[in-house]
C-alpha atoms as a PDB file:
ATOM      1  CA  MET A   1       1.542  -6.526  49.058  1.00  0.00           C
ATOM      2  CA  SER A   2       0.398  -9.561  47.098  1.00  0.00           C
ATOM      3  CA  ASN A   3      -2.881  -7.818  46.115  1.00  0.00           C
ATOM      4  CA  SER A   4      -0.955  -4.752  45.030  1.00  0.00           C
ATOM      5  CA  LYS A   5       1.336  -6.816  42.766  1.00  0.00           C
ATOM      6  CA  SER A   6      -1.637  -8.657  41.255  1.00  0.00           C
ATOM      7  CA  THR A   7      -3.424  -5.397  40.567  1.00  0.00           C
ATOM      8  CA  CYS A   8      -0.303  -4.025  38.905  1.00  0.00           C
ATOM      9  CA  ARG A   9       0.088  -7.117  36.728  1.00  0.00           C
ATOM     10  CA  LEU A  10      -3.584  -6.937  35.678  1.00  0.00           C
ATOM     11  CA  LEU A  11      -3.215  -3.285  34.792  1.00  0.00           C
ATOM     12  CA  ILE A  12      -0.172  -4.010  32.641  1.00  0.00           C
ATOM     13  CA  VAL A  13      -1.954  -6.889  30.859  1.00  0.00           C
ATOM     14  CA  PHE A  14      -5.032  -4.722  30.292  1.00  0.00           C
ATOM     15  CA  LEU A  15      -3.029  -1.869  28.842  1.00  0.00           C
ATOM     16  CA  TYR A  16      -0.981  -4.204  26.639  1.00  0.00           C
ATOM     17  CA  THR A  17      -4.090  -6.016  25.385  1.00  0.00           C
ATOM     18  CA  GLY A  18      -5.890  -2.754  24.746  1.00  0.00           C
ATOM     19  CA  ILE A  19      -3.003  -1.435  22.697  1.00  0.00           C
ATOM     20  CA  ASN A  20      -2.775  -4.702  20.762  1.00  0.00           C
ATOM     21  CA  LEU A  21      -6.514  -4.820  20.032  1.00  0.00           C
ATOM     22  CA  ASN A  22      -6.484  -1.255  18.835  1.00  0.00           C
ATOM     23  CA  CYS A  23      -3.535  -1.882  16.478  1.00  0.00           C
ATOM     24  CA  THR A  24      -5.043  -5.108  15.142  1.00  0.00           C
ATOM     25  CA  SER A  25      -8.361  -3.420  14.466  1.00  0.00           C
ATOM     26  CA  GLN A  26      -6.701  -0.581  12.608  1.00  0.00           C
ATOM     27  CA  GLN A  27      -4.590  -2.918  10.457  1.00  0.00           C
ATOM     28  CA  ALA A  28      -7.546  -5.179   9.619  1.00  0.00           C
ATOM     29  CA  ASN A  29     -10.092  -2.518   8.741  1.00  0.00           C
ATOM     30  CA  GLU A  30      -8.011   0.436   7.580  1.00  0.00           C
ATOM     31  CA  ASN A  31     -11.237   2.468   7.689  1.00  0.00           C
ATOM     32  CA  THR A  32     -11.759   6.115   8.462  1.00  0.00           C
ATOM     33  CA  GLU A  33     -15.516   5.514   8.537  1.00  0.00           C
ATOM     34  CA  LYS A  34     -17.742   2.599   9.461  1.00  0.00           C
ATOM     35  CA  GLU A  35     -17.912   0.080   6.617  1.00  0.00           C
ATOM     36  CA  HIS A  36     -20.447   1.206   4.014  1.00  0.00           C
ATOM     37  CA  ILE A  37     -21.125  -2.313   2.740  1.00  0.00           C
ATOM     38  CA  VAL A  38     -21.488  -5.482   4.822  1.00  0.00           C
ATOM     39  CA  LEU A  39     -21.297  -9.050   3.487  1.00  0.00           C
ATOM     40  CA  ILE A  40     -24.598 -10.852   4.120  1.00  0.00           C
ATOM     41  CA  SER A  41     -24.364 -14.008   1.978  1.00  0.00           C
ATOM     42  CA  LYS A  42     -22.350 -16.036  -0.517  1.00  0.00           C
ATOM     43  CA  ILE A  43     -24.198 -17.923  -3.251  1.00  0.00           C
ATOM     44  CA  THR A  44     -22.161 -20.818  -4.616  1.00  0.00           C
ATOM     45  CA  ILE A  45     -21.857 -21.102  -8.410  1.00  0.00           C
ATOM     46  CA  PRO A  46     -20.974 -24.785  -8.942  1.00  0.00           C
ATOM     47  CA  LYS A  47     -18.962 -26.165 -11.863  1.00  0.00           C
ATOM     48  CA  VAL A  48     -17.721 -22.742 -12.933  1.00  0.00           C
ATOM     49  CA  ASN A  49     -13.998 -22.241 -13.383  1.00  0.00           C
ATOM     50  CA  GLY A  50     -11.834 -19.530 -14.886  1.00  0.00           C
ATOM     51  CA  ARG A  51     -12.392 -15.825 -15.217  1.00  0.00           C
ATOM     52  CA  ILE A  52     -15.750 -14.224 -14.498  1.00  0.00           C
ATOM     53  CA  ASP A  53     -16.725 -11.054 -16.341  1.00  0.00           C
ATOM     54  CA  HIS A  54     -19.684  -8.677 -16.059  1.00  0.00           C
ATOM     55  CA  ILE A  55     -22.979  -9.013 -14.146  1.00  0.00           C
ATOM     56  CA  GLY A  56     -26.515  -8.124 -15.277  1.00  0.00           C
ATOM     57  CA  TYR A  57     -29.677  -7.922 -13.165  1.00  0.00           C
ATOM     58  CA  ASP A  58     -33.443  -8.387 -13.516  1.00  0.00           C
ATOM     59  CA  PRO A  59     -34.947  -6.243 -10.711  1.00  0.00           C
ATOM     60  CA  ALA A  60     -38.495  -7.589 -11.046  1.00  0.00           C
ATOM     61  CA  ASN A  61     -37.495 -11.211 -10.495  1.00  0.00           C
ATOM     62  CA  HIS A  62     -34.330 -10.581  -8.479  1.00  0.00           C
ATOM     63  CA  LEU A  63     -32.185 -12.559 -10.922  1.00  0.00           C
ATOM     64  CA  ALA A  64     -28.484 -11.910 -11.362  1.00  0.00           C
ATOM     65  CA  PHE A  65     -26.849 -12.902 -14.671  1.00  0.00           C
ATOM     66  CA  VAL A  66     -23.148 -13.692 -14.300  1.00  0.00           C
ATOM     67  CA  ALA A  67     -20.948 -13.913 -17.397  1.00  0.00           C
ATOM     68  CA  ALA A  68     -18.732 -16.934 -16.692  1.00  0.00           C
ATOM     69  CA  LEU A  69     -16.250 -16.161 -19.465  1.00  0.00           C
ATOM     70  CA  GLY A  70     -13.890 -19.029 -18.694  1.00  0.00           C
ATOM     71  CA  ASN A  71     -16.818 -21.454 -18.627  1.00  0.00           C
ATOM     72  CA  ASN A  72     -18.541 -20.171 -21.809  1.00  0.00           C
ATOM     73  CA  THR A  73     -21.803 -19.851 -19.866  1.00  0.00           C
ATOM     74  CA  VAL A  74     -24.066 -17.273 -18.266  1.00  0.00           C
ATOM     75  CA  GLU A  75     -25.110 -18.334 -14.774  1.00  0.00           C
ATOM     76  CA  VAL A  76     -28.606 -17.263 -13.698  1.00  0.00           C
ATOM     77  CA  ILE A  77     -28.830 -16.745  -9.929  1.00  0.00           C
ATOM     78  CA  ASP A  78     -32.002 -16.218  -7.915  1.00  0.00           C
ATOM     79  CA  ILE A  79     -30.966 -13.762  -5.187  1.00  0.00           C
ATOM     80  CA  ASP A  80     -34.026 -14.553  -3.028  1.00  0.00           C
ATOM     81  CA  ALA A  81     -33.690 -18.342  -3.296  1.00  0.00           C
ATOM     82  CA  GLN A  82     -29.891 -18.031  -2.917  1.00  0.00           C
ATOM     83  CA  LYS A  83     -29.090 -20.484  -5.710  1.00  0.00           C
ATOM     84  CA  VAL A  84     -28.266 -20.927  -9.392  1.00  0.00           C
ATOM     85  CA  VAL A  85     -31.495 -21.622 -11.265  1.00  0.00           C
ATOM     86  CA  HIS A  86     -30.187 -21.943 -14.828  1.00  0.00           C
ATOM     87  CA  SER A  87     -27.009 -21.987 -16.898  1.00  0.00           C
ATOM     88  CA  ILE A  88     -27.020 -20.656 -20.476  1.00  0.00           C
ATOM     89  CA  ALA A  89     -24.474 -22.793 -22.325  1.00  0.00           C
ATOM     90  CA  GLY A  90     -22.934 -22.727 -25.795  1.00  0.00           C
ATOM     91  CA  LEU A  91     -21.612 -19.162 -25.590  1.00  0.00           C
ATOM     92  CA  HIS A  92     -18.206 -17.914 -26.734  1.00  0.00           C
ATOM     93  CA  GLU A  93     -16.373 -16.169 -23.881  1.00  0.00           C
ATOM     94  CA  PRO A  94     -19.344 -14.084 -22.688  1.00  0.00           C
ATOM     95  CA  GLN A  95     -18.194 -10.679 -21.465  1.00  0.00           C
ATOM     96  CA  GLY A  96     -20.726  -7.846 -21.540  1.00  0.00           C
ATOM     97  CA  ILE A  97     -24.183  -8.591 -20.180  1.00  0.00           C
ATOM     98  CA  LEU A  98     -27.294  -6.467 -19.810  1.00  0.00           C
ATOM     99  CA  PHE A  99     -30.948  -6.946 -18.904  1.00  0.00           C
ATOM    100  CA  ILE A 100     -33.535  -4.544 -20.382  1.00  0.00           C
ATOM    101  CA  PRO A 101     -36.689  -4.422 -18.198  1.00  0.00           C
ATOM    102  CA  PHE A 102     -38.655  -2.481 -20.841  1.00  0.00           C
ATOM    103  CA  SER A 103     -38.568  -5.359 -23.312  1.00  0.00           C
ATOM    104  CA  ASN A 104     -37.749  -8.154 -20.861  1.00  0.00           C
ATOM    105  CA  THR A 105     -34.634  -8.983 -22.859  1.00  0.00           C
ATOM    106  CA  LEU A 106     -31.218 -10.315 -21.863  1.00  0.00           C
ATOM    107  CA  ILE A 107     -28.244  -9.331 -24.047  1.00  0.00           C
ATOM    108  CA  VAL A 108     -24.911 -11.142 -23.962  1.00  0.00           C
ATOM    109  CA  ALA A 109     -21.838  -9.793 -25.791  1.00  0.00           C
ATOM    110  CA  ASN A 110     -19.340 -12.529 -26.670  1.00  0.00           C
ATOM    111  CA  GLY A 111     -15.626 -12.547 -27.312  1.00  0.00           C
ATOM    112  CA  ASN A 112     -16.223 -13.756 -30.878  1.00  0.00           C
ATOM    113  CA  GLY A 113     -18.164 -10.549 -31.594  1.00  0.00           C
ATOM    114  CA  ASN A 114     -21.621 -12.074 -31.467  1.00  0.00           C
ATOM    115  CA  CYS A 115     -24.210 -10.070 -29.501  1.00  0.00           C
ATOM    116  CA  VAL A 116     -27.013 -12.472 -28.567  1.00  0.00           C
ATOM    117  CA  PHE A 117     -30.552 -11.654 -27.389  1.00  0.00           C
ATOM    118  CA  PHE A 118     -32.392 -14.013 -25.011  1.00  0.00           C
ATOM    119  CA  ASP A 119     -35.860 -14.375 -23.532  1.00  0.00           C
ATOM    120  CA  PRO A 120     -35.012 -14.553 -19.798  1.00  0.00           C
ATOM    121  CA  GLY A 121     -38.178 -16.552 -19.114  1.00  0.00           C
ATOM    122  CA  SER A 122     -37.412 -19.477 -21.399  1.00  0.00           C
ATOM    123  CA  PHE A 123     -33.698 -18.609 -21.889  1.00  0.00           C
ATOM    124  CA  LYS A 124     -34.194 -19.179 -25.593  1.00  0.00           C
ATOM    125  CA  GLU A 125     -32.283 -17.114 -28.129  1.00  0.00           C
ATOM    126  CA  THR A 126     -34.525 -14.553 -29.848  1.00  0.00           C
ATOM    127  CA  GLY A 127     -31.960 -12.978 -32.166  1.00  0.00           C
ATOM    128  CA  SER A 128     -28.351 -11.918 -32.600  1.00  0.00           C
ATOM    129  CA  VAL A 129     -26.173  -9.248 -34.161  1.00  0.00           C
ATOM    130  CA  ASP A 130     -22.779 -10.267 -35.503  1.00  0.00           C
ATOM    131  CA  LEU A 131     -20.395  -7.467 -34.537  1.00  0.00           C
ATOM    132  CA  ARG A 132     -16.647  -7.181 -34.843  1.00  0.00           C
ATOM    133  CA  SER A 133     -14.475  -9.407 -32.645  1.00  0.00           C
ATOM    134  CA  ASP A 134     -14.208  -8.981 -28.889  1.00  0.00           C
ATOM    135  CA  ALA A 135     -17.662  -7.619 -28.027  1.00  0.00           C
ATOM    136  CA  ASP A 136     -17.338  -6.455 -24.445  1.00  0.00           C
ATOM    137  CA  ASN A 137     -18.998  -3.701 -22.387  1.00  0.00           C
ATOM    138  CA  VAL A 138     -22.693  -3.036 -23.046  1.00  0.00           C
ATOM    139  CA  ARG A 139     -24.833   0.031 -22.219  1.00  0.00           C
ATOM    140  CA  TYR A 140     -28.486   0.822 -22.952  1.00  0.00           C
ATOM    141  CA  ASP A 141     -30.135   4.202 -23.510  1.00  0.00           C
ATOM    142  CA  THR A 142     -33.688   3.921 -22.196  1.00  0.00           C
ATOM    143  CA  ALA A 143     -34.812   7.080 -24.015  1.00  0.00           C
ATOM    144  CA  SER A 144     -33.740   6.033 -27.520  1.00  0.00           C
ATOM    145  CA  HIS A 145     -33.848   2.246 -27.016  1.00  0.00           C
ATOM    146  CA  LEU A 146     -30.354   2.053 -28.447  1.00  0.00           C
ATOM    147  CA  LEU A 147     -27.762  -0.450 -27.332  1.00  0.00           C
ATOM    148  CA  TYR A 148     -24.066   0.526 -27.234  1.00  0.00           C
ATOM    149  CA  VAL A 149     -21.443  -2.232 -27.421  1.00  0.00           C
ATOM    150  CA  GLY A 150     -17.685  -1.760 -27.183  1.00  0.00           C
ATOM    151  CA  CYS A 151     -15.882  -4.157 -29.481  1.00  0.00           C
ATOM    152  CA  GLY A 152     -13.170  -4.887 -32.023  1.00  0.00           C
ATOM    153  CA  SER A 153      -9.915  -3.012 -32.314  1.00  0.00           C
ATOM    154  CA  GLY A 154     -11.644   0.298 -31.736  1.00  0.00           C
ATOM    155  CA  ASN A 155     -15.395   0.778 -32.091  1.00  0.00           C
ATOM    156  CA  ILE A 156     -18.581   1.469 -30.191  1.00  0.00           C
ATOM    157  CA  GLU A 157     -21.270  -0.288 -32.200  1.00  0.00           C
ATOM    158  CA  ILE A 158     -24.821   1.047 -31.875  1.00  0.00           C
ATOM    159  CA  ILE A 159     -27.735  -1.397 -32.127  1.00  0.00           C
ATOM    160  CA  ASP A 160     -31.448  -0.721 -32.410  1.00  0.00           C
ATOM    161  CA  ALA A 161     -32.580  -2.960 -29.531  1.00  0.00           C
ATOM    162  CA  LYS A 162     -36.129  -3.320 -30.885  1.00  0.00           C
ATOM    163  CA  LEU A 163     -35.074  -4.319 -34.396  1.00  0.00           C
ATOM    164  CA  MET A 164     -31.932  -6.152 -33.202  1.00  0.00           C
ATOM    165  CA  LYS A 165     -29.984  -4.414 -35.938  1.00  0.00           C
ATOM    166  CA  GLN A 166     -26.641  -2.598 -35.985  1.00  0.00           C
ATOM    167  CA  ILE A 167     -27.280   0.980 -37.190  1.00  0.00           C
ATOM    168  CA  ALA A 168     -24.150   3.070 -36.508  1.00  0.00           C
ATOM    169  CA  THR A 169     -20.528   3.066 -35.384  1.00  0.00           C
ATOM    170  CA  ILE A 170     -18.403   5.386 -33.277  1.00  0.00           C
ATOM    171  CA  PRO A 171     -14.767   4.825 -34.374  1.00  0.00           C
ATOM    172  CA  LEU A 172     -12.061   4.923 -31.694  1.00  0.00           C
ATOM    173  CA  ASP A 173      -8.264   4.744 -31.603  1.00  0.00           C
ATOM    174  CA  ASP A 174      -8.244   1.256 -30.041  1.00  0.00           C
ATOM    175  CA  HIS A 175     -10.326  -1.288 -28.134  1.00  0.00           C
ATOM    176  CA  PRO A 176     -12.763   0.330 -25.669  1.00  0.00           C
ATOM    177  CA  GLU A 177     -13.116  -0.744 -22.084  1.00  0.00           C
ATOM    178  CA  SER A 178     -15.735   0.787 -19.789  1.00  0.00           C
ATOM    179  CA  PHE A 179     -17.748   3.719 -21.142  1.00  0.00           C
ATOM    180  CA  GLN A 180     -20.593   5.912 -19.929  1.00  0.00           C
ATOM    181  CA  PHE A 181     -22.918   8.329 -21.674  1.00  0.00           C
ATOM    182  CA  SER A 182     -24.363  11.599 -20.472  1.00  0.00           C
ATOM    183  CA  ARG A 183     -27.855  12.424 -21.690  1.00  0.00           C
ATOM    184  CA  ILE A 184     -27.485  15.929 -20.274  1.00  0.00           C
ATOM    185  CA  GLU A 185     -24.361  16.709 -22.317  1.00  0.00           C
ATOM    186  CA  ASN A 186     -25.243  14.339 -25.201  1.00  0.00           C
ATOM    187  CA  ARG A 187     -21.789  12.774 -24.904  1.00  0.00           C
ATOM    188  CA  ILE A 188     -20.231   9.366 -24.515  1.00  0.00           C
ATOM    189  CA  TYR A 189     -17.022   8.942 -22.509  1.00  0.00           C
ATOM    190  CA  VAL A 190     -14.823   5.949 -23.374  1.00  0.00           C
ATOM    191  CA  ASN A 191     -11.771   4.425 -21.684  1.00  0.00           C
ATOM    192  CA  VAL A 192      -9.256   3.425 -24.376  1.00  0.00           C
ATOM    193  CA  PRO A 193      -6.317   2.037 -22.363  1.00  0.00           C
ATOM    194  CA  ASP A 194      -4.190   0.806 -25.283  1.00  0.00           C
ATOM    195  CA  ALA A 195      -4.240   4.354 -26.687  1.00  0.00           C
ATOM    196  CA  ASP A 196      -3.547   5.663 -23.159  1.00  0.00           C
ATOM    197  CA  GLU A 197      -6.491   8.041 -23.260  1.00  0.00           C
ATOM    198  CA  ILE A 198     -10.135   8.819 -22.581  1.00  0.00           C
ATOM    199  CA  GLU A 199     -12.079   9.609 -25.752  1.00  0.00           C
ATOM    200  CA  VAL A 200     -15.225  11.741 -25.860  1.00  0.00           C
ATOM    201  CA  ALA A 201     -17.791  11.503 -28.659  1.00  0.00           C
ATOM    202  CA  ASP A 202     -20.898  13.486 -29.552  1.00  0.00           C
ATOM    203  CA  LEU A 203     -23.902  11.143 -29.512  1.00  0.00           C
ATOM    204  CA  SER A 204     -25.662  12.985 -32.345  1.00  0.00           C
ATOM    205  CA  THR A 205     -22.802  13.130 -34.837  1.00  0.00           C
ATOM    206  CA  LYS A 206     -21.050   9.930 -33.618  1.00  0.00           C
ATOM    207  CA  LYS A 207     -17.785  11.881 -33.930  1.00  0.00           C
ATOM    208  CA  ILE A 208     -14.906  12.143 -31.461  1.00  0.00           C
ATOM    209  CA  ILE A 209     -14.788  15.668 -30.013  1.00  0.00           C
ATOM    210  CA  ALA A 210     -11.995  15.245 -27.443  1.00  0.00           C
ATOM    211  CA  LYS A 211      -9.114  12.962 -26.507  1.00  0.00           C
ATOM    212  CA  TRP A 212      -7.792  13.289 -22.971  1.00  0.00           C
ATOM    213  CA  LYS A 213      -4.385  11.705 -22.525  1.00  0.00           C
ATOM    214  CA  ASN A 214      -3.676   9.883 -19.286  1.00  0.00           C
ATOM    215  CA  THR A 215      -1.274  11.709 -17.011  1.00  0.00           C
ATOM    216  CA  GLY A 216       0.618   9.513 -14.570  1.00  0.00           C
ATOM    217  CA  PRO A 217      -1.211   6.180 -14.173  1.00  0.00           C
ATOM    218  CA  THR A 218      -2.043   3.978 -17.189  1.00  0.00           C
ATOM    219  CA  SER A 219      -4.387   1.095 -18.032  1.00  0.00           C
ATOM    220  CA  ASN A 220      -7.674   2.917 -17.474  1.00  0.00           C
ATOM    221  CA  PHE A 221     -10.352   0.206 -17.399  1.00  0.00           C
ATOM    222  CA  PRO A 222     -13.423   0.956 -15.186  1.00  0.00           C
ATOM    223  CA  MET A 223     -15.407   4.198 -15.281  1.00  0.00           C
ATOM    224  CA  ALA A 224     -18.375   5.779 -13.495  1.00  0.00           C
ATOM    225  CA  LEU A 225     -20.176   9.081 -14.110  1.00  0.00           C
ATOM    226  CA  ASP A 226     -21.950  11.540 -11.831  1.00  0.00           C
ATOM    227  CA  GLU A 227     -23.924  13.569 -14.369  1.00  0.00           C
ATOM    228  CA  SER A 228     -25.282  16.119 -11.907  1.00  0.00           C
ATOM    229  CA  ASN A 229     -21.800  17.285 -10.929  1.00  0.00           C
ATOM    230  CA  ASN A 230     -20.006  16.522 -14.236  1.00  0.00           C
ATOM    231  CA  HIS A 231     -17.680  14.113 -12.446  1.00  0.00           C
ATOM    232  CA  LEU A 232     -15.940  11.178 -14.127  1.00  0.00           C
ATOM    233  CA  PHE A 233     -14.367   8.498 -11.925  1.00  0.00           C
ATOM    234  CA  ILE A 234     -11.634   6.533 -13.705  1.00  0.00           C
ATOM    235  CA  GLY A 235      -9.968   3.417 -12.308  1.00  0.00           C
ATOM    236  CA  TYR A 236      -6.374   2.683 -13.344  1.00  0.00           C
ATOM    237  CA  ARG A 237      -4.364  -0.519 -12.935  1.00  0.00           C
ATOM    238  CA  ASN A 238      -0.801   0.719 -13.344  1.00  0.00           C
ATOM    239  CA  PRO A 239      -0.425   1.673 -10.594  1.00  0.00           C
ATOM    240  CA  GLY A 240      -3.753   1.183  -8.803  1.00  0.00           C
ATOM    241  CA  THR A 241      -5.295   4.664  -8.899  1.00  0.00           C
ATOM    242  CA  LEU A 242      -8.713   6.325  -8.838  1.00  0.00           C
ATOM    243  CA  ARG A 243      -8.928   9.695 -10.576  1.00  0.00           C
ATOM    244  CA  LEU A 244     -11.723  12.253 -10.381  1.00  0.00           C
ATOM    245  CA  ILE A 245     -11.980  14.188 -13.660  1.00  0.00           C
ATOM    246  CA  ASN A 246     -14.111  17.125 -14.766  1.00  0.00           C
ATOM    247  CA  ALA A 247     -16.399  15.610 -17.424  1.00  0.00           C
ATOM    248  CA  LEU A 248     -16.592  18.872 -19.382  1.00  0.00           C
ATOM    249  CA  THR A 249     -12.892  19.715 -19.586  1.00  0.00           C
ATOM    250  CA  GLY A 250     -10.976  16.523 -18.805  1.00  0.00           C
ATOM    251  CA  LYS A 251      -9.118  18.325 -16.017  1.00  0.00           C
ATOM    252  CA  GLU A 252      -8.057  16.189 -13.059  1.00  0.00           C
ATOM    253  CA  LEU A 253      -9.652  17.279  -9.792  1.00  0.00           C
ATOM    254  CA  SER A 254      -8.326  14.587  -7.461  1.00  0.00           C
ATOM    255  CA  SER A 255      -6.242  11.402  -7.546  1.00  0.00           C
ATOM    256  CA  VAL A 256      -5.821   8.708  -4.877  1.00  0.00           C
ATOM    257  CA  ASP A 257      -4.338   5.218  -4.595  1.00  0.00           C
ATOM    258  CA  CYS A 258      -6.685   2.235  -4.827  1.00  0.00           C
ATOM    259  CA  ALA A 259      -6.300  -1.549  -4.856  1.00  0.00           C
ATOM    260  CA  GLY A 260      -4.741  -3.058  -7.972  1.00  0.00           C
ATOM    261  CA  ASP A 261      -6.504  -4.702 -10.927  1.00  0.00           C
ATOM    262  CA  ALA A 262      -9.653  -2.576 -10.627  1.00  0.00           C
ATOM    263  CA  ASP A 263     -12.420  -3.688 -12.996  1.00  0.00           C
ATOM    264  CA  ASP A 264     -15.616  -1.970 -11.867  1.00  0.00           C
ATOM    265  CA  VAL A 265     -16.379   1.470 -10.422  1.00  0.00           C
ATOM    266  CA  PHE A 266     -19.765   2.751  -9.217  1.00  0.00           C
ATOM    267  CA  TYR A 267     -20.934   6.095  -7.862  1.00  0.00           C
ATOM    268  CA  TYR A 268     -23.831   6.484  -5.433  1.00  0.00           C
ATOM    269  CA  ASP A 269     -24.787   9.076  -2.839  1.00  0.00           C
ATOM    270  CA  SER A 270     -21.362  10.788  -2.614  1.00  0.00           C
ATOM    271  CA  LEU A 271     -19.562   7.431  -2.441  1.00  0.00           C
ATOM    272  CA  VAL A 272     -17.415   5.649  -5.036  1.00  0.00           C
ATOM    273  CA  PHE A 273     -17.078   1.844  -4.900  1.00  0.00           C
ATOM    274  CA  VAL A 274     -14.107   0.143  -6.592  1.00  0.00           C
ATOM    275  CA  SER A 275     -13.856  -3.667  -6.905  1.00  0.00           C
ATOM    276  CA  ALA A 276     -10.318  -4.854  -7.556  1.00  0.00           C
ATOM    277  CA  GLY A 277      -8.772  -8.194  -8.490  1.00  0.00           C
ATOM    278  CA  LYS A 278      -6.053  -7.840  -5.875  1.00  0.00           C
ATOM    279  CA  GLY A 279      -8.734  -8.828  -3.378  1.00  0.00           C
ATOM    280  CA  PHE A 280     -10.334  -5.638  -2.081  1.00  0.00           C
ATOM    281  CA  ILE A 281     -13.335  -3.365  -2.370  1.00  0.00           C
ATOM    282  CA  ASP A 282     -12.282   0.242  -1.826  1.00  0.00           C
ATOM    283  CA  VAL A 283     -14.828   2.893  -0.907  1.00  0.00           C
ATOM    284  CA  PHE A 284     -14.157   6.612  -1.365  1.00  0.00           C
ATOM    285  CA  ARG A 285     -16.088   9.664  -0.292  1.00  0.00           C
ATOM    286  CA  VAL A 286     -16.420  12.563  -2.749  1.00  0.00           C
ATOM    287  CA  ASN A 287     -16.349  15.985  -1.120  1.00  0.00           C
ATOM    288  CA  GLN A 288     -16.688  18.717  -3.758  1.00  0.00           C
ATOM    289  CA  THR A 289     -13.489  18.064  -5.741  1.00  0.00           C
ATOM    290  CA  GLU A 290     -11.694  15.718  -3.358  1.00  0.00           C
ATOM    291  CA  LEU A 291     -11.586  11.922  -3.007  1.00  0.00           C
ATOM    292  CA  THR A 292     -10.969  10.373   0.409  1.00  0.00           C
ATOM    293  CA  GLN A 293     -10.694   6.638   1.030  1.00  0.00           C
ATOM    294  CA  VAL A 294     -13.049   5.556   3.825  1.00  0.00           C
ATOM    295  CA  ASN A 295     -13.094   1.717   3.495  1.00  0.00           C
ATOM    296  CA  HIS A 296     -10.609  -0.948   2.386  1.00  0.00           C
ATOM    297  CA  ILE A 297     -12.536  -4.242   2.559  1.00  0.00           C
ATOM    298  CA  ALA A 298     -10.799  -7.589   1.974  1.00  0.00           C
ATOM    299  CA  THR A 299     -12.390 -10.036  -0.498  1.00  0.00           C
ATOM    300  CA  VAL A 300     -10.467 -12.712  -2.474  1.00  0.00           C
ATOM    301  CA  ARG A 301      -7.965 -12.551  -5.305  1.00  0.00           C
ATOM    302  CA  GLY A 302      -9.612 -12.285  -8.725  1.00  0.00           C
ATOM    303  CA  ALA A 303     -12.930 -10.962  -7.401  1.00  0.00           C
ATOM    304  CA  ARG A 304     -12.913  -7.826  -9.509  1.00  0.00           C
ATOM    305  CA  THR A 305     -16.342  -7.812 -11.212  1.00  0.00           C
ATOM    306  CA  SER A 306     -19.245  -6.218  -9.356  1.00  0.00           C
ATOM    307  CA  LEU A 307     -22.635  -4.550  -9.717  1.00  0.00           C
ATOM    308  CA  LEU A 308     -24.229  -1.876  -7.541  1.00  0.00           C
ATOM    309  CA  LEU A 309     -28.015  -2.065  -7.006  1.00  0.00           C
ATOM    310  CA  PRO A 310     -28.907   1.279  -5.375  1.00  0.00           C
ATOM    311  CA  SER A 311     -32.674   0.718  -5.317  1.00  0.00           C
ATOM    312  CA  GLU A 312     -32.198  -2.527  -3.379  1.00  0.00           C
ATOM    313  CA  ARG A 313     -29.250  -1.225  -1.378  1.00  0.00           C
ATOM    314  CA  LYS A 314     -27.137  -4.184  -2.457  1.00  0.00           C
ATOM    315  CA  PHE A 315     -23.683  -4.658  -3.954  1.00  0.00           C
ATOM    316  CA  LEU A 316     -22.909  -7.867  -5.890  1.00  0.00           C
ATOM    317  CA  LEU A 317     -19.378  -9.237  -6.261  1.00  0.00           C
ATOM    318  CA  ALA A 318     -18.375 -12.212  -8.436  1.00  0.00           C
ATOM    319  CA  ALA A 319     -15.644 -14.355  -6.865  1.00  0.00           C
ATOM    320  CA  PRO A 320     -13.929 -16.970  -9.075  1.00  0.00           C
ATOM    321  CA  ALA A 321     -13.131 -20.517  -7.993  1.00  0.00           C
ATOM    322  CA  LEU A 322      -9.883 -20.355  -6.015  1.00  0.00           C
ATOM    323  CA  ASN A 323      -7.830 -22.622  -3.738  1.00  0.00           C
ATOM    324  CA  GLY A 324     -10.452 -25.343  -3.622  1.00  0.00           C
ATOM    325  CA  GLU A 325     -13.304 -22.923  -2.975  1.00  0.00           C
ATOM    326  CA  PRO A 326     -16.060 -22.805  -5.640  1.00  0.00           C
ATOM    327  CA  ALA A 327     -16.998 -19.679  -7.543  1.00  0.00           C
ATOM    328  CA  ALA A 328     -19.623 -17.597  -5.762  1.00  0.00           C
ATOM    329  CA  LEU A 329     -21.702 -14.448  -5.938  1.00  0.00           C
ATOM    330  CA  TRP A 330     -21.106 -12.403  -2.781  1.00  0.00           C
ATOM    331  CA  ILE A 331     -24.026 -10.230  -1.656  1.00  0.00           C
ATOM    332  CA  TYR A 332     -23.339  -7.079   0.349  1.00  0.00           C
ATOM    333  CA  ARG A 333     -25.841  -4.782   1.996  1.00  0.00           C
ATOM    334  CA  LEU A 334     -25.345  -1.009   1.768  1.00  0.00           C
ATOM    335  CA  GLN A 335     -25.250   0.511   5.221  1.00  0.00           C
END
């Protein structure tokens, strides 16, 4: 009788614990698939406070360049050595950042409009282009060796990267956030959140050929492009939303909720990665014309800037100093 009662109690405890573990696991992970990125290290960035903006990368030397906007520096991090190896000081709210392997050049776009070129070996300045105020996102066309910089109250400035000279302007309705260009369609797609639209320009004429008004969510900041399928992925902050748009027509194909304060979006191998300042990385699977959330990975508040490195199967996330913890570059491995 005693053994029977003990067995019964054990069975009840087992069932209760099993149910509890299952519920806890579901609440913590909120995944429909196994996590597609796994945190493997955190590299401390000492003496850096305030907001962190974009990240650049030198694949040959495995160096990450982190724009510490609130610190007026660019922090140079050796991914292999797992440490900061240099700090470029004297900048003015560095925002956009890009490394060009072809010419071994680092470009930093500053909030005062100055676009500065550096030798990443000596970290000495090799030139600069004085653009309009608020130089921000930077893109590079490897075929034409042209540099595209979003800045001012509504322009994409085009710079000849070899000559370090501004050569053309694409006028917009307001300040540009993330933008992407399609070599196949000879177009550039630009998020213009203050105008509540996505603007499309022809790269040859530098003229706007379409303006797609936002429908529903607003504050469209990050953007990614899948050229092969003519898919645009747009991240919105109000409310947190990821939209899949036909890049030829502007028609919405799918829309799903995502974490708030999204700042970077990347597409790779049928997956979309969204880093958001609310403290999450969301991962979505693209199936034809449908988005499905498969991961909801907790990070820390304010960690909204990231960089995907497909060739190295890594995902970098910049976490600001918070609650006594120093700023850090989080390294994830793609599964």
